[in-house]
Amino acid sequence: MDIISIVIWLVIGAVAGWLAGQIMKGGGFGLVGNIVIGIIGSLIGGFLLGGLFSSLGLIGSIITAVIGAVILLFVVGLFVKK
């Protein structure tokens, strides 16, 4: 994996984590938190959706990651009291 791929992966994670935080009304989680939520979300989304949006390229990757991150935040919200 080259450095460009890693940077793109981190940017997708940050954008997906931030969008999921906005959708779930959690606000921001900071840059590192957004990246972590987005990356874990992309794994969850990829597992559940199985490449459904892969034909859309970068936008499809962001959509998949956001869906996975929203699911992650929902599940975490079930166990964490606010």
N, C-alpha and C. Protein backbone atom coordinates (compact mmCIF):
# COMPACT_ATOMS: atom_id res chain seq x y z
N MET A 1 0.86 -1.17 0.00
CA MET A 1 0.00 0.00 0.00
C MET A 1 0.90 1.23 0.00
N ASP A 2 0.67 2.13 -0.93
CA ASP A 2 1.49 3.33 -1.01
C ASP A 2 0.90 4.45 -0.14
N ILE A 3 1.63 5.52 -0.01
CA ILE A 3 1.24 6.63 0.86
C ILE A 3 -0.04 7.32 0.38
N ILE A 4 -0.24 7.39 -0.94
CA ILE A 4 -1.45 8.02 -1.48
C ILE A 4 -2.68 7.23 -1.05
N SER A 5 -2.62 5.91 -1.12
CA SER A 5 -3.74 5.07 -0.71
C SER A 5 -4.06 5.25 0.77
N ILE A 6 -3.04 5.36 1.58
CA ILE A 6 -3.24 5.55 3.01
C ILE A 6 -3.90 6.89 3.28
N VAL A 7 -3.46 7.93 2.61
CA VAL A 7 -4.04 9.26 2.79
C VAL A 7 -5.51 9.26 2.36
N ILE A 8 -5.82 8.64 1.22
CA ILE A 8 -7.20 8.57 0.75
C ILE A 8 -8.06 7.80 1.74
N TRP A 9 -7.53 6.70 2.26
CA TRP A 9 -8.22 5.89 3.26
C TRP A 9 -8.54 6.73 4.50
N LEU A 10 -7.57 7.51 4.97
CA LEU A 10 -7.78 8.36 6.15
C LEU A 10 -8.78 9.47 5.88
N VAL A 11 -8.74 10.06 4.69
CA VAL A 11 -9.68 11.13 4.35
C VAL A 11 -11.10 10.57 4.28
N ILE A 12 -11.27 9.41 3.65
CA ILE A 12 -12.60 8.79 3.60
C ILE A 12 -13.09 8.49 5.01
N GLY A 13 -12.21 7.99 5.87
CA GLY A 13 -12.58 7.72 7.26
C GLY A 13 -13.00 8.97 8.00
N ALA A 14 -12.26 10.06 7.81
CA ALA A 14 -12.59 11.31 8.49
C ALA A 14 -13.93 11.86 8.02
N VAL A 15 -14.14 11.87 6.71
CA VAL A 15 -15.40 12.39 6.15
C VAL A 15 -16.57 11.51 6.62
N ALA A 16 -16.41 10.21 6.52
CA ALA A 16 -17.48 9.29 6.92
C ALA A 16 -17.80 9.41 8.41
N GLY A 17 -16.78 9.50 9.24
CA GLY A 17 -17.00 9.66 10.69
C GLY A 17 -17.70 10.95 11.02
N TRP A 18 -17.29 12.04 10.37
CA TRP A 18 -17.92 13.34 10.60
C TRP A 18 -19.39 13.31 10.15
N LEU A 19 -19.65 12.78 8.95
CA LEU A 19 -21.02 12.71 8.45
C LEU A 19 -21.90 11.84 9.35
N ALA A 20 -21.37 10.72 9.79
CA ALA A 20 -22.14 9.85 10.69
C ALA A 20 -22.45 10.56 12.00
N GLY A 21 -21.48 11.32 12.52
CA GLY A 21 -21.72 12.10 13.74
C GLY A 21 -22.82 13.13 13.55
N GLN A 22 -22.86 13.76 12.37
CA GLN A 22 -23.90 14.74 12.08
C GLN A 22 -25.26 14.05 11.95
N ILE A 23 -25.29 12.91 11.27
CA ILE A 23 -26.54 12.18 11.08
C ILE A 23 -27.10 11.68 12.41
N MET A 24 -26.23 11.19 13.26
CA MET A 24 -26.65 10.63 14.54
C MET A 24 -26.71 11.69 15.65
N LYS A 25 -26.54 12.93 15.30
CA LYS A 25 -26.61 14.06 16.24
C LYS A 25 -25.59 13.96 17.37
N GLY A 26 -24.43 13.35 17.05
CA GLY A 26 -23.40 13.21 18.07
C GLY A 26 -22.37 14.32 17.97
N GLY A 27 -22.50 15.18 16.99
CA GLY A 27 -21.50 16.21 16.79
C GLY A 27 -20.22 15.62 16.28
N GLY A 28 -19.16 16.34 16.42
CA GLY A 28 -17.86 15.85 15.96
C GLY A 28 -17.17 15.05 17.05
N PHE A 29 -16.25 14.23 16.65
CA PHE A 29 -15.49 13.43 17.61
C PHE A 29 -14.02 13.78 17.54
N GLY A 30 -13.71 14.88 16.91
CA GLY A 30 -12.32 15.25 16.68
C GLY A 30 -11.80 14.49 15.47
N LEU A 31 -10.70 14.94 14.93
CA LEU A 31 -10.17 14.36 13.70
C LEU A 31 -9.86 12.87 13.87
N VAL A 32 -9.15 12.52 14.92
CA VAL A 32 -8.77 11.12 15.12
C VAL A 32 -10.01 10.26 15.39
N GLY A 33 -10.92 10.75 16.20
CA GLY A 33 -12.16 10.01 16.47
C GLY A 33 -12.97 9.79 15.21
N ASN A 34 -13.10 10.82 14.38
CA ASN A 34 -13.83 10.69 13.12
C ASN A 34 -13.18 9.66 12.21
N ILE A 35 -11.86 9.69 12.14
CA ILE A 35 -11.15 8.73 11.29
C ILE A 35 -11.39 7.31 11.78
N VAL A 36 -11.27 7.10 13.08
CA VAL A 36 -11.47 5.76 13.65
C VAL A 36 -12.90 5.28 13.40
N ILE A 37 -13.88 6.12 13.68
CA ILE A 37 -15.28 5.75 13.47
C ILE A 37 -15.53 5.47 11.99
N GLY A 38 -14.98 6.30 11.12
CA GLY A 38 -15.16 6.11 9.68
C GLY A 38 -14.51 4.84 9.16
N ILE A 39 -13.32 4.53 9.64
CA ILE A 39 -12.63 3.32 9.18
C ILE A 39 -13.35 2.07 9.68
N ILE A 40 -13.72 2.06 10.94
CA ILE A 40 -14.48 0.91 11.45
C ILE A 40 -15.82 0.82 10.73
N GLY A 41 -16.44 1.98 10.49
CA GLY A 41 -17.70 2.02 9.75
C GLY A 41 -17.56 1.49 8.34
N SER A 42 -16.44 1.79 7.70
CA SER A 42 -16.25 1.28 6.33
C SER A 42 -16.11 -0.24 6.33
N LEU A 43 -15.50 -0.79 7.36
CA LEU A 43 -15.41 -2.25 7.47
C LEU A 43 -16.79 -2.85 7.68
N ILE A 44 -17.58 -2.24 8.57
CA ILE A 44 -18.93 -2.73 8.82
C ILE A 44 -19.78 -2.59 7.56
N GLY A 45 -19.73 -1.41 6.95
CA GLY A 45 -20.52 -1.18 5.73
C GLY A 45 -20.12 -2.11 4.60
N GLY A 46 -18.81 -2.33 4.44
CA GLY A 46 -18.34 -3.24 3.41
C GLY A 46 -18.81 -4.66 3.64
N PHE A 47 -18.81 -5.07 4.90
CA PHE A 47 -19.27 -6.42 5.24
C PHE A 47 -20.77 -6.56 4.98
N LEU A 48 -21.55 -5.56 5.41
CA LEU A 48 -23.00 -5.66 5.28
C LEU A 48 -23.50 -5.41 3.85
N LEU A 49 -22.85 -4.49 3.15
CA LEU A 49 -23.34 -4.12 1.82
C LEU A 49 -22.63 -4.85 0.69
N GLY A 50 -21.48 -5.44 0.96
CA GLY A 50 -20.78 -6.26 -0.01
C GLY A 50 -20.52 -5.62 -1.36
N GLY A 51 -20.06 -4.41 -1.41
CA GLY A 51 -19.71 -3.77 -2.69
C GLY A 51 -20.90 -3.21 -3.46
N LEU A 52 -22.02 -2.99 -2.79
CA LEU A 52 -23.22 -2.47 -3.44
C LEU A 52 -22.96 -1.15 -4.16
N PHE A 53 -22.15 -0.29 -3.57
CA PHE A 53 -21.88 1.03 -4.15
C PHE A 53 -20.51 1.12 -4.81
N SER A 54 -19.86 0.00 -5.04
CA SER A 54 -18.49 0.02 -5.56
C SER A 54 -18.38 0.64 -6.94
N SER A 55 -19.44 0.60 -7.72
CA SER A 55 -19.40 1.19 -9.07
C SER A 55 -19.35 2.71 -9.03
N LEU A 56 -19.62 3.30 -7.88
CA LEU A 56 -19.61 4.76 -7.75
C LEU A 56 -18.24 5.32 -7.37
N GLY A 57 -17.24 4.46 -7.23
CA GLY A 57 -15.89 4.90 -6.92
C GLY A 57 -15.75 5.49 -5.53
N LEU A 58 -15.12 6.65 -5.45
CA LEU A 58 -14.85 7.31 -4.17
C LEU A 58 -16.14 7.66 -3.44
N ILE A 59 -17.13 8.16 -4.15
CA ILE A 59 -18.41 8.50 -3.53
C ILE A 59 -19.06 7.24 -2.96
N GLY A 60 -18.98 6.14 -3.68
CA GLY A 60 -19.53 4.88 -3.19
C GLY A 60 -18.83 4.41 -1.93
N SER A 61 -17.52 4.62 -1.87
CA SER A 61 -16.76 4.26 -0.66
C SER A 61 -17.20 5.09 0.52
N ILE A 62 -17.43 6.38 0.29
CA ILE A 62 -17.89 7.26 1.37
C ILE A 62 -19.29 6.87 1.82
N ILE A 63 -20.18 6.57 0.87
CA ILE A 63 -21.54 6.16 1.22
C ILE A 63 -21.51 4.89 2.07
N THR A 64 -20.74 3.91 1.64
CA THR A 64 -20.62 2.65 2.38
C THR A 64 -20.07 2.89 3.78
N ALA A 65 -19.03 3.71 3.88
CA ALA A 65 -18.42 4.00 5.18
C ALA A 65 -19.37 4.75 6.09
N VAL A 66 -20.14 5.69 5.54
CA VAL A 66 -21.09 6.46 6.36
C VAL A 66 -22.19 5.53 6.89
N ILE A 67 -22.72 4.67 6.03
CA ILE A 67 -23.76 3.74 6.48
C ILE A 67 -23.23 2.85 7.60
N GLY A 68 -22.02 2.32 7.43
CA GLY A 68 -21.42 1.49 8.47
C GLY A 68 -21.16 2.27 9.75
N ALA A 69 -20.70 3.52 9.62
CA ALA A 69 -20.41 4.34 10.80
C ALA A 69 -21.69 4.71 11.54
N VAL A 70 -22.77 4.97 10.81
CA VAL A 70 -24.06 5.25 11.46
C VAL A 70 -24.52 4.02 12.24
N ILE A 71 -24.38 2.84 11.65
CA ILE A 71 -24.74 1.61 12.36
C ILE A 71 -23.87 1.46 13.61
N LEU A 72 -22.58 1.71 13.48
CA LEU A 72 -21.66 1.63 14.62
C LEU A 72 -22.10 2.58 15.74
N LEU A 73 -22.39 3.83 15.39
CA LEU A 73 -22.79 4.81 16.40
C LEU A 73 -24.12 4.44 17.04
N PHE A 74 -25.04 3.88 16.26
CA PHE A 74 -26.31 3.44 16.81
C PHE A 74 -26.11 2.34 17.84
N VAL A 75 -25.30 1.34 17.50
CA VAL A 75 -25.05 0.22 18.40
C VAL A 75 -24.32 0.69 19.66
N VAL A 76 -23.32 1.55 19.49
CA VAL A 76 -22.61 2.08 20.65
C VAL A 76 -23.57 2.88 21.54
N GLY A 77 -24.47 3.63 20.91
CA GLY A 77 -25.45 4.42 21.67
C GLY A 77 -26.40 3.57 22.50
N LEU A 78 -26.59 2.33 22.10
CA LEU A 78 -27.45 1.44 22.88
C LEU A 78 -26.81 1.05 24.22
N PHE A 79 -25.48 1.09 24.26
CA PHE A 79 -24.76 0.64 25.45
C PHE A 79 -24.19 1.77 26.30
N VAL A 80 -24.13 2.97 25.74
CA VAL A 80 -23.53 4.10 26.45
C VAL A 80 -24.63 5.09 26.82
N LYS A 81 -24.72 5.37 28.12
CA LYS A 81 -25.70 6.38 28.56
C LYS A 81 -25.13 7.76 28.38
N LYS A 82 -25.99 8.67 28.00
CA LYS A 82 -25.55 10.07 27.79
C LYS A 82 -25.94 10.93 28.94
